[in-house]
């Protein structure tokens, strides 16, 4: 699946979620709470 198929705002949302999941546990806990 090509990234270009997605609208840019959806790409940004996915990137933000991905960064949250890949951040250190204490940082992700702070952002989730």
Protein backbone atom coordinates (compact mmCIF):
# COMPACT_ATOMS: atom_id res chain seq x y z
CA UNK A 1 0.00 0.00 0.00
CA UNK A 2 1.36 3.37 -0.99
CA UNK A 3 1.55 6.24 1.50
CA UNK A 4 0.51 8.63 -1.28
CA UNK A 5 -2.98 7.13 -1.27
CA UNK A 6 -3.70 8.68 2.11
CA UNK A 7 -4.66 12.32 2.74
CA UNK A 8 -1.89 14.22 4.50
CA UNK A 9 -3.89 14.79 7.69
CA UNK A 10 -4.39 11.04 8.07
CA UNK A 11 -0.65 10.48 7.56
CA UNK A 12 0.08 13.00 10.31
CA UNK A 13 -2.36 11.28 12.65
CA UNK A 14 -0.79 7.87 11.99
CA UNK A 15 2.69 9.31 12.55
CA UNK A 16 1.62 10.82 15.86
CA UNK A 17 0.14 7.50 17.02
CA UNK A 18 3.24 5.65 15.85
CA UNK A 19 5.53 8.02 17.76
CA UNK A 20 3.40 7.55 20.88
CA UNK A 21 3.66 3.77 20.63
CA UNK A 22 7.41 3.91 20.01
CA UNK A 23 8.22 6.41 22.73
CA UNK A 24 9.73 5.29 26.07
CA UNK A 25 7.12 3.83 28.49
CA UNK A 26 7.18 6.78 30.87
CA UNK A 27 6.66 9.26 28.03
CA UNK A 28 3.83 7.26 26.46
CA UNK A 29 2.17 6.93 29.86
CA UNK A 30 2.29 10.70 30.30
CA UNK A 31 0.77 11.31 26.87
CA UNK A 32 -1.95 8.69 27.38
CA UNK A 33 -2.93 10.15 30.73
